[in-house]
C-alpha atoms as a PDB file:
ATOM      1  CA  MET A   1     107.840  84.329 112.340  1.00  0.00           C
ATOM      2  CA  GLY A   2     104.373  83.181 113.214  1.00  0.00           C
ATOM      3  CA  MET A   3     101.080  82.943 111.441  1.00  0.00           C
ATOM      4  CA  GLU A   4      98.905  85.890 112.340  1.00  0.00           C
ATOM      5  CA  LYS A   5      95.149  85.603 112.095  1.00  0.00           C
ATOM      6  CA  TYR A   6      92.929  88.525 111.165  1.00  0.00           C
ATOM      7  CA  GLU A   7      89.136  88.329 111.043  1.00  0.00           C
ATOM      8  CA  SER A   8      86.804  90.854 109.514  1.00  0.00           C
ATOM      9  CA  LYS A   9      83.563  91.906 111.107  1.00  0.00           C
ATOM     10  CA  GLN A  10      80.611  89.849 109.968  1.00  0.00           C
ATOM     11  CA  GLN A  11      78.252  91.492 107.478  1.00  0.00           C
ATOM     12  CA  GLN A  12      74.688  90.593 106.590  1.00  0.00           C
ATOM     13  CA  ILE A  13      73.547  89.850 103.052  1.00  0.00           C
ATOM     14  CA  LEU A  14      69.809  89.556 102.559  1.00  0.00           C
ATOM     15  CA  LYS A  15      70.156  86.738 100.034  1.00  0.00           C
ATOM     16  CA  PRO A  16      70.494  82.961 100.288  1.00  0.00           C
ATOM     17  CA  ALA A  17      74.020  81.520 100.435  1.00  0.00           C
ATOM     18  CA  ALA A  18      73.252  79.721  97.156  1.00  0.00           C
ATOM     19  CA  PHE A  19      72.918  83.153  95.504  1.00  0.00           C
ATOM     20  CA  VAL A  20      76.144  84.540  96.987  1.00  0.00           C
ATOM     21  CA  PHE A  21      78.435  81.523  96.662  1.00  0.00           C
ATOM     22  CA  PRO A  22      78.645  81.267  92.855  1.00  0.00           C
ATOM     23  CA  LEU A  23      79.686  84.914  92.702  1.00  0.00           C
ATOM     24  CA  ILE A  24      82.487  84.684  95.279  1.00  0.00           C
ATOM     25  CA  SER A  25      83.769  81.335  94.011  1.00  0.00           C
ATOM     26  CA  ARG A  26      84.933  82.611  90.608  1.00  0.00           C
ATOM     27  CA  PHE A  27      87.328  85.490  90.154  1.00  0.00           C
ATOM     28  CA  ASP A  28      85.903  86.325  86.737  1.00  0.00           C
ATOM     29  CA  MET A  29      82.533  87.024  88.386  1.00  0.00           C
ATOM     30  CA  LEU A  30      84.217  89.838  90.319  1.00  0.00           C
ATOM     31  CA  THR A  31      85.507  91.517  87.173  1.00  0.00           C
ATOM     32  CA  PRO A  32      82.632  94.021  86.803  1.00  0.00           C
ATOM     33  CA  ALA A  33      83.012  95.106  90.442  1.00  0.00           C
ATOM     34  CA  LEU A  34      86.804  95.342  90.478  1.00  0.00           C
ATOM     35  CA  ARG A  35      87.846  96.238  86.959  1.00  0.00           C
ATOM     36  CA  ASP A  36      87.821  99.997  87.595  1.00  0.00           C
ATOM     37  CA  ARG A  37      89.072  99.818  91.174  1.00  0.00           C
ATOM     38  CA  VAL A  38      92.401  98.071  90.725  1.00  0.00           C
ATOM     39  CA  GLU A  39      95.155  98.386  88.154  1.00  0.00           C
ATOM     40  CA  GLU A  40      95.573  95.805  85.409  1.00  0.00           C
ATOM     41  CA  TRP A  41      92.858  93.470  86.724  1.00  0.00           C
ATOM     42  CA  GLN A  42      92.805  90.134  84.891  1.00  0.00           C
ATOM     43  CA  ALA A  43      90.815  87.098  85.920  1.00  0.00           C
ATOM     44  CA  ASP A  44      89.562  83.705  84.917  1.00  0.00           C
ATOM     45  CA  GLU A  45      87.593  81.246  87.028  1.00  0.00           C
ATOM     46  CA  ASP A  46      90.426  80.162  89.339  1.00  0.00           C
ATOM     47  CA  THR A  47      93.080  82.881  89.194  1.00  0.00           C
ATOM     48  CA  CYS A  48      93.402  86.626  89.091  1.00  0.00           C
ATOM     49  CA  SER A  49      96.127  89.220  89.007  1.00  0.00           C
ATOM     50  CA  PHE A  50      96.283  92.958  89.562  1.00  0.00           C
ATOM     51  CA  LYS A  51      98.768  95.632  90.492  1.00  0.00           C
ATOM     52  CA  VAL A  52      99.092  97.348  93.848  1.00  0.00           C
ATOM     53  CA  LYS A  53     101.724 100.070  94.259  1.00  0.00           C
ATOM     54  CA  GLY A  54     103.784  98.568  91.445  1.00  0.00           C
ATOM     55  CA  PHE A  55     103.594  94.979  92.740  1.00  0.00           C
ATOM     56  CA  THR A  56     101.753  92.360  90.737  1.00  0.00           C
ATOM     57  CA  VAL A  57      99.559  90.301  93.040  1.00  0.00           C
ATOM     58  CA  ARG A  58      98.458  86.871  91.820  1.00  0.00           C
ATOM     59  CA  LEU A  59      95.742  84.950  93.619  1.00  0.00           C
ATOM     60  CA  ARG A  60      94.339  81.478  93.168  1.00  0.00           C
ATOM     61  CA  ILE A  61      91.224  79.796  94.544  1.00  0.00           C
ATOM     62  CA  ALA A  62      92.616  76.788  96.393  1.00  0.00           C
ATOM     63  CA  GLU A  63      89.403  75.320  97.766  1.00  0.00           C
ATOM     64  CA  ARG A  64      85.657  75.706  97.397  1.00  0.00           C
ATOM     65  CA  VAL A  65      83.057  74.299  99.767  1.00  0.00           C
ATOM     66  CA  GLU A  66      79.653  74.995  98.277  1.00  0.00           C
ATOM     67  CA  ASN A  67      77.667  77.692 100.089  1.00  0.00           C
ATOM     68  CA  LYS A  68      80.218  77.658 102.957  1.00  0.00           C
ATOM     69  CA  HIS A  69      83.607  79.071 101.988  1.00  0.00           C
ATOM     70  CA  VAL A  70      86.236  79.818  99.402  1.00  0.00           C
ATOM     71  CA  LYS A  71      89.932  79.619 100.272  1.00  0.00           C
ATOM     72  CA  ILE A  72      92.262  81.908  98.337  1.00  0.00           C
ATOM     73  CA  THR A  73      96.063  81.747  98.308  1.00  0.00           C
ATOM     74  CA  GLY A  74      98.912  83.475  96.543  1.00  0.00           C
ATOM     75  CA  ASP A  75      99.716  82.022  93.120  1.00  0.00           C
ATOM     76  CA  ASP A  76     103.139  81.380  91.559  1.00  0.00           C
ATOM     77  CA  GLY A  77     105.107  84.475  90.606  1.00  0.00           C
ATOM     78  CA  ASN A  78     103.350  86.502  93.261  1.00  0.00           C
ATOM     79  CA  GLY A  79     104.781  89.952  93.950  1.00  0.00           C
ATOM     80  CA  VAL A  80     103.791  89.714  97.599  1.00  0.00           C
ATOM     81  CA  PRO A  81     106.670  88.503  99.800  1.00  0.00           C
ATOM     82  CA  VAL A  82     104.308  87.036 102.382  1.00  0.00           C
ATOM     83  CA  ASP A  83     102.934  83.545 102.841  1.00  0.00           C
ATOM     84  CA  PHE A  84      99.188  83.937 103.245  1.00  0.00           C
ATOM     85  CA  ALA A  85      95.772  82.408 102.712  1.00  0.00           C
ATOM     86  CA  PHE A  86      92.372  83.894 103.199  1.00  0.00           C
ATOM     87  CA  TRP A  87      88.893  82.581 103.442  1.00  0.00           C
ATOM     88  CA  ILE A  88      85.604  84.169 102.447  1.00  0.00           C
ATOM     89  CA  GLN A  89      83.156  82.446 104.762  1.00  0.00           C
ATOM     90  CA  LEU A  90      79.391  82.277 104.427  1.00  0.00           C
ATOM     91  CA  HIS A  91      76.968  81.284 107.133  1.00  0.00           C
ATOM     92  CA  GLU A  92      73.267  81.001 106.440  1.00  0.00           C
ATOM     93  CA  ALA A  93      71.620  82.465 109.546  1.00  0.00           C
ATOM     94  CA  GLY A  94      68.091  82.143 108.210  1.00  0.00           C
ATOM     95  CA  VAL A  95      66.066  82.093 105.020  1.00  0.00           C
ATOM     96  CA  GLY A  96      67.511  84.752 102.722  1.00  0.00           C
ATOM     97  CA  ASP A  97      69.929  85.851 105.446  1.00  0.00           C
ATOM     98  CA  THR A  98      73.599  85.066 104.837  1.00  0.00           C
ATOM     99  CA  ARG A  99      76.445  86.302 107.012  1.00  0.00           C
ATOM    100  CA  ILE A 100      79.773  86.888 105.294  1.00  0.00           C
ATOM    101  CA  ARG A 101      83.201  87.287 106.836  1.00  0.00           C
ATOM    102  CA  MET A 102      86.832  87.224 105.712  1.00  0.00           C
ATOM    103  CA  VAL A 103      89.613  85.538 107.629  1.00  0.00           C
ATOM    104  CA  LEU A 104      93.274  86.029 106.735  1.00  0.00           C
ATOM    105  CA  HIS A 105      96.218  83.948 107.906  1.00  0.00           C
ATOM    106  CA  ALA A 106      99.528  85.583 107.052  1.00  0.00           C
ATOM    107  CA  GLU A 107     103.095  84.910 108.063  1.00  0.00           C
ATOM    108  CA  LEU A 108     104.375  88.350 108.988  1.00  0.00           C
ATOM    109  CA  ASN A 109     107.686  89.255 110.528  1.00  0.00           C
ATOM    110  CA  MET A 110     107.817  91.853 113.303  1.00  0.00           C
ATOM    111  CA  MET A 111     108.550  94.690 110.890  1.00  0.00           C
ATOM    112  CA  MET A 112     105.632  93.817 108.583  1.00  0.00           C
ATOM    113  CA  ARG A 113     103.333  93.391 111.578  1.00  0.00           C
ATOM    114  CA  MET A 114     104.198  96.864 112.799  1.00  0.00           C
ATOM    115  CA  MET A 115     103.857  98.401 109.344  1.00  0.00           C
ATOM    116  CA  ILE A 116     100.688  96.783 108.053  1.00  0.00           C
ATOM    117  CA  GLY A 117      99.127  94.799 110.915  1.00  0.00           C
ATOM    118  CA  GLY A 118      96.682  97.527 111.828  1.00  0.00           C
ATOM    119  CA  LYS A 119      95.792  98.231 108.217  1.00  0.00           C
ATOM    120  CA  ILE A 120      94.955  94.599 107.468  1.00  0.00           C
ATOM    121  CA  GLN A 121      92.041  94.575 109.887  1.00  0.00           C
ATOM    122  CA  GLY A 122      90.582  97.748 108.394  1.00  0.00           C
ATOM    123  CA  GLY A 123      91.144  96.443 104.876  1.00  0.00           C
ATOM    124  CA  LEU A 124      89.307  93.186 105.580  1.00  0.00           C
ATOM    125  CA  ASP A 125      86.398  95.039 107.183  1.00  0.00           C
ATOM    126  CA  LYS A 126      86.164  97.374 104.199  1.00  0.00           C
ATOM    127  CA  ALA A 127      86.364  94.549 101.669  1.00  0.00           C
ATOM    128  CA  VAL A 128      83.652  92.483 103.319  1.00  0.00           C
ATOM    129  CA  GLU A 129      81.474  95.562 103.731  1.00  0.00           C
ATOM    130  CA  GLY A 130      81.917  96.308 100.028  1.00  0.00           C
ATOM    131  CA  LEU A 131      80.860  92.775  99.116  1.00  0.00           C
ATOM    132  CA  ALA A 132      77.782  92.987 101.367  1.00  0.00           C
ATOM    133  CA  VAL A 133      76.727  96.341  99.877  1.00  0.00           C
ATOM    134  CA  ALA A 134      77.187  94.979  96.343  1.00  0.00           C
ATOM    135  CA  PHE A 135      75.202  91.806  97.043  1.00  0.00           C
ATOM    136  CA  ASN A 136      72.430  93.632  98.884  1.00  0.00           C
ATOM    137  CA  GLY A 137      72.098  95.997  95.919  1.00  0.00           C
ATOM    138  CA  MET A 138      71.508  93.146  93.475  1.00  0.00           C
ATOM    139  CA  PRO A 139      67.966  92.412  92.320  1.00  0.00           C
END
């Protein structure tokens, strides 16, 4: 068993990092965007839970570095049998130009790697693209 690393493509948000960071650093800020997309979404500032294919997934924000990154890990009682952590990273490339990317570290056995390894990359790319589209659409 080894830690696998997956990185999303970088996306551009035409907003300052100081605009983006407060929104990604609190799960409850994501409620309007996610409420209708996932089952049984519940969130407060630091934790969230939702259902995927009958599993309850619980996440917790483990670390925040202002305008740079948020680290998210599985919380207690997680339905996901995988040790993982992921980062939402921001990089201010210029004035009102923030690049966003997601990086996932997950401990996957060979079977899991074969089953979901390829899907993880696509999922990360889609998630970060969704965030960028949402942020770019904000006034």
